[in-house]
Amino acid sequence: MAANALTIFACGSYYAPAITMMQNSVSSENSGTVVSTLSLFVYSATTISPLVFSRVAKYFGAALNPRVYGLTILAATTIGYLGANFFYWKGGKQYVKLMEEKKKLAEAEEKLISAV
């Protein structure tokens, strides 16, 4: 039960910043499309993962050794979050760059308006 709570806590800390970064990175007209696309992929993966894990569990004989379930979930979670960390880091660097460009553009626009 505690592992479940920890997984949900870790997942939540990834999802909200991803949504915020995507909404800030695209125009307001495309924001809904981007968030909907993310939701489609997340829910598709959520739907497909039990099929994959049942095949993996069957292959490794989890019915005879229930410990296999925990080990496969641990392996998948570890690999998934390690991979996600790398891509969040790269995405974060691009996001900072994009936000700095937007800030410079807004400042230049503000100077132009105040000069008129």
C-alpha atoms as a PDB file:
ATOM      1  CA  MET A   1       0.000   0.000   0.000  1.00  0.00           C
ATOM      2  CA  ALA A   2       2.805   2.419   0.843  1.00  0.00           C
ATOM      3  CA  ALA A   3       4.505   1.683  -2.480  1.00  0.00           C
ATOM      4  CA  ASN A   4       1.272   2.545  -4.279  1.00  0.00           C
ATOM      5  CA  ALA A   5       1.042   5.856  -2.453  1.00  0.00           C
ATOM      6  CA  LEU A   6       4.680   6.617  -3.234  1.00  0.00           C
ATOM      7  CA  THR A   7       4.162   5.855  -6.932  1.00  0.00           C
ATOM      8  CA  ILE A   8       1.118   8.134  -7.089  1.00  0.00           C
ATOM      9  CA  PHE A   9       3.047  10.875  -5.288  1.00  0.00           C
ATOM     10  CA  ALA A  10       5.974  10.564  -7.728  1.00  0.00           C
ATOM     11  CA  CYS A  11       3.641  10.493 -10.744  1.00  0.00           C
ATOM     12  CA  GLY A  12       1.827  13.608  -9.611  1.00  0.00           C
ATOM     13  CA  SER A  13       5.070  15.511  -9.353  1.00  0.00           C
ATOM     14  CA  TYR A  14       5.750  14.826 -13.035  1.00  0.00           C
ATOM     15  CA  TYR A  15       2.324  15.437 -14.544  1.00  0.00           C
ATOM     16  CA  ALA A  16       1.481  18.974 -13.373  1.00  0.00           C
ATOM     17  CA  PRO A  17       4.782  20.604 -14.430  1.00  0.00           C
ATOM     18  CA  ALA A  18       4.558  18.870 -17.804  1.00  0.00           C
ATOM     19  CA  ILE A  19       1.095  20.327 -18.412  1.00  0.00           C
ATOM     20  CA  THR A  20       2.225  23.792 -17.312  1.00  0.00           C
ATOM     21  CA  MET A  21       5.329  23.722 -19.512  1.00  0.00           C
ATOM     22  CA  MET A  22       3.322  22.609 -22.529  1.00  0.00           C
ATOM     23  CA  GLN A  23       0.649  25.272 -22.026  1.00  0.00           C
ATOM     24  CA  ASN A  24       3.291  27.995 -21.671  1.00  0.00           C
ATOM     25  CA  SER A  25       5.229  26.771 -24.712  1.00  0.00           C
ATOM     26  CA  VAL A  26       2.434  26.911 -27.298  1.00  0.00           C
ATOM     27  CA  SER A  27      -0.123  29.482 -28.313  1.00  0.00           C
ATOM     28  CA  SER A  28      -3.389  29.541 -26.391  1.00  0.00           C
ATOM     29  CA  GLU A  29      -5.197  28.229 -29.500  1.00  0.00           C
ATOM     30  CA  ASN A  30      -3.044  25.067 -29.480  1.00  0.00           C
ATOM     31  CA  SER A  31      -2.971  24.553 -25.712  1.00  0.00           C
ATOM     32  CA  GLY A  32      -6.018  22.289 -25.650  1.00  0.00           C
ATOM     33  CA  THR A  33      -4.688  20.144 -28.475  1.00  0.00           C
ATOM     34  CA  VAL A  34      -1.348  19.637 -26.734  1.00  0.00           C
ATOM     35  CA  VAL A  35      -2.893  18.725 -23.382  1.00  0.00           C
ATOM     36  CA  SER A  36      -5.425  16.417 -25.057  1.00  0.00           C
ATOM     37  CA  THR A  37      -2.647  14.661 -26.969  1.00  0.00           C
ATOM     38  CA  LEU A  38      -0.712  14.085 -23.750  1.00  0.00           C
ATOM     39  CA  SER A  39      -3.849  12.705 -22.115  1.00  0.00           C
ATOM     40  CA  LEU A  40      -4.433  10.381 -25.076  1.00  0.00           C
ATOM     41  CA  PHE A  41      -0.937   8.923 -24.796  1.00  0.00           C
ATOM     42  CA  VAL A  42      -1.088   8.636 -20.998  1.00  0.00           C
ATOM     43  CA  TYR A  43      -4.453   6.875 -21.046  1.00  0.00           C
ATOM     44  CA  SER A  44      -3.369   4.636 -23.934  1.00  0.00           C
ATOM     45  CA  ALA A  45      -0.290   3.569 -21.977  1.00  0.00           C
ATOM     46  CA  THR A  46      -2.446   3.038 -18.881  1.00  0.00           C
ATOM     47  CA  THR A  47      -4.731   0.788 -20.899  1.00  0.00           C
ATOM     48  CA  ILE A  48      -1.973  -1.189 -22.632  1.00  0.00           C
ATOM     49  CA  SER A  49       0.363  -1.693 -19.644  1.00  0.00           C
ATOM     50  CA  PRO A  50      -1.719  -4.442 -17.951  1.00  0.00           C
ATOM     51  CA  LEU A  51      -1.580  -6.432 -21.190  1.00  0.00           C
ATOM     52  CA  VAL A  52       2.185  -6.079 -21.355  1.00  0.00           C
ATOM     53  CA  PHE A  53       2.680  -6.921 -17.681  1.00  0.00           C
ATOM     54  CA  SER A  54       0.457  -9.974 -17.870  1.00  0.00           C
ATOM     55  CA  ARG A  55       2.611 -11.298 -20.731  1.00  0.00           C
ATOM     56  CA  VAL A  56       5.822 -10.542 -18.837  1.00  0.00           C
ATOM     57  CA  ALA A  57       4.462 -12.149 -15.660  1.00  0.00           C
ATOM     58  CA  LYS A  58       3.382 -15.231 -17.573  1.00  0.00           C
ATOM     59  CA  TYR A  59       6.768 -15.481 -19.303  1.00  0.00           C
ATOM     60  CA  PHE A  60       8.652 -15.337 -15.978  1.00  0.00           C
ATOM     61  CA  GLY A  61       6.232 -17.683 -14.196  1.00  0.00           C
ATOM     62  CA  ALA A  62       4.761 -15.240 -11.713  1.00  0.00           C
ATOM     63  CA  ALA A  63       1.913 -17.638 -10.868  1.00  0.00           C
ATOM     64  CA  LEU A  64       4.459 -19.965  -9.236  1.00  0.00           C
ATOM     65  CA  ASN A  65       6.618 -17.160  -7.837  1.00  0.00           C
ATOM     66  CA  PRO A  66       4.553 -14.041  -6.937  1.00  0.00           C
ATOM     67  CA  ARG A  67       7.748 -12.117  -6.170  1.00  0.00           C
ATOM     68  CA  VAL A  68       8.123 -11.712  -9.956  1.00  0.00           C
ATOM     69  CA  TYR A  69       5.190  -9.262  -9.975  1.00  0.00           C
ATOM     70  CA  GLY A  70       6.949  -6.892  -7.617  1.00  0.00           C
ATOM     71  CA  LEU A  71      10.266  -7.168  -9.412  1.00  0.00           C
ATOM     72  CA  THR A  72       8.753  -6.466 -12.846  1.00  0.00           C
ATOM     73  CA  ILE A  73       6.826  -3.470 -11.513  1.00  0.00           C
ATOM     74  CA  LEU A  74       9.966  -2.193  -9.781  1.00  0.00           C
ATOM     75  CA  ALA A  75      12.023  -2.616 -12.960  1.00  0.00           C
ATOM     76  CA  ALA A  76       9.446  -0.906 -15.178  1.00  0.00           C
ATOM     77  CA  THR A  77       8.962   1.976 -12.745  1.00  0.00           C
ATOM     78  CA  THR A  78      12.697   2.488 -12.310  1.00  0.00           C
ATOM     79  CA  ILE A  79      13.422   2.404 -16.045  1.00  0.00           C
ATOM     80  CA  GLY A  80      10.446   4.655 -16.803  1.00  0.00           C
ATOM     81  CA  TYR A  81      11.267   7.312 -14.252  1.00  0.00           C
ATOM     82  CA  LEU A  82      14.993   7.309 -15.030  1.00  0.00           C
ATOM     83  CA  GLY A  83      14.153   7.831 -18.689  1.00  0.00           C
ATOM     84  CA  ALA A  84      11.615  10.483 -17.811  1.00  0.00           C
ATOM     85  CA  ASN A  85      14.166  12.352 -15.686  1.00  0.00           C
ATOM     86  CA  PHE A  86      16.514  12.622 -18.643  1.00  0.00           C
ATOM     87  CA  PHE A  87      13.803  13.961 -20.946  1.00  0.00           C
ATOM     88  CA  TYR A  88      12.441  16.344 -18.294  1.00  0.00           C
ATOM     89  CA  TRP A  89      15.941  17.718 -17.849  1.00  0.00           C
ATOM     90  CA  LYS A  90      16.331  18.262 -21.605  1.00  0.00           C
ATOM     91  CA  GLY A  91      12.816  19.680 -21.869  1.00  0.00           C
ATOM     92  CA  GLY A  92      13.478  21.977 -18.919  1.00  0.00           C
ATOM     93  CA  LYS A  93      16.557  23.413 -20.609  1.00  0.00           C
ATOM     94  CA  GLN A  94      14.546  24.136 -23.765  1.00  0.00           C
ATOM     95  CA  TYR A  95      11.689  25.559 -21.697  1.00  0.00           C
ATOM     96  CA  VAL A  96      13.993  28.000 -19.884  1.00  0.00           C
ATOM     97  CA  LYS A  97      15.446  29.072 -23.225  1.00  0.00           C
ATOM     98  CA  LEU A  98      11.968  29.607 -24.685  1.00  0.00           C
ATOM     99  CA  MET A  99      10.765  31.579 -21.659  1.00  0.00           C
ATOM    100  CA  GLU A 100      13.865  33.822 -21.779  1.00  0.00           C
ATOM    101  CA  GLU A 101      13.190  34.533 -25.460  1.00  0.00           C
ATOM    102  CA  LYS A 102       9.553  35.358 -24.688  1.00  0.00           C
ATOM    103  CA  LYS A 103      10.644  37.661 -21.869  1.00  0.00           C
ATOM    104  CA  LYS A 104      13.110  39.508 -24.132  1.00  0.00           C
ATOM    105  CA  LEU A 105      10.433  39.868 -26.800  1.00  0.00           C
ATOM    106  CA  ALA A 106       7.943  41.249 -24.270  1.00  0.00           C
ATOM    107  CA  GLU A 107      10.518  43.719 -22.940  1.00  0.00           C
ATOM    108  CA  ALA A 108      11.366  44.907 -26.459  1.00  0.00           C
ATOM    109  CA  GLU A 109       7.663  45.291 -27.221  1.00  0.00           C
ATOM    110  CA  GLU A 110       7.160  47.251 -24.000  1.00  0.00           C
ATOM    111  CA  LYS A 111      10.048  49.603 -24.876  1.00  0.00           C
ATOM    112  CA  LEU A 112       8.594  50.133 -28.345  1.00  0.00           C
ATOM    113  CA  ILE A 113       5.160  50.988 -26.922  1.00  0.00           C
ATOM    114  CA  SER A 114       6.608  53.360 -24.294  1.00  0.00           C
ATOM    115  CA  ALA A 115       8.681  55.106 -26.974  1.00  0.00           C
ATOM    116  CA  VAL A 116       5.549  55.919 -28.961  1.00  0.00           C
END
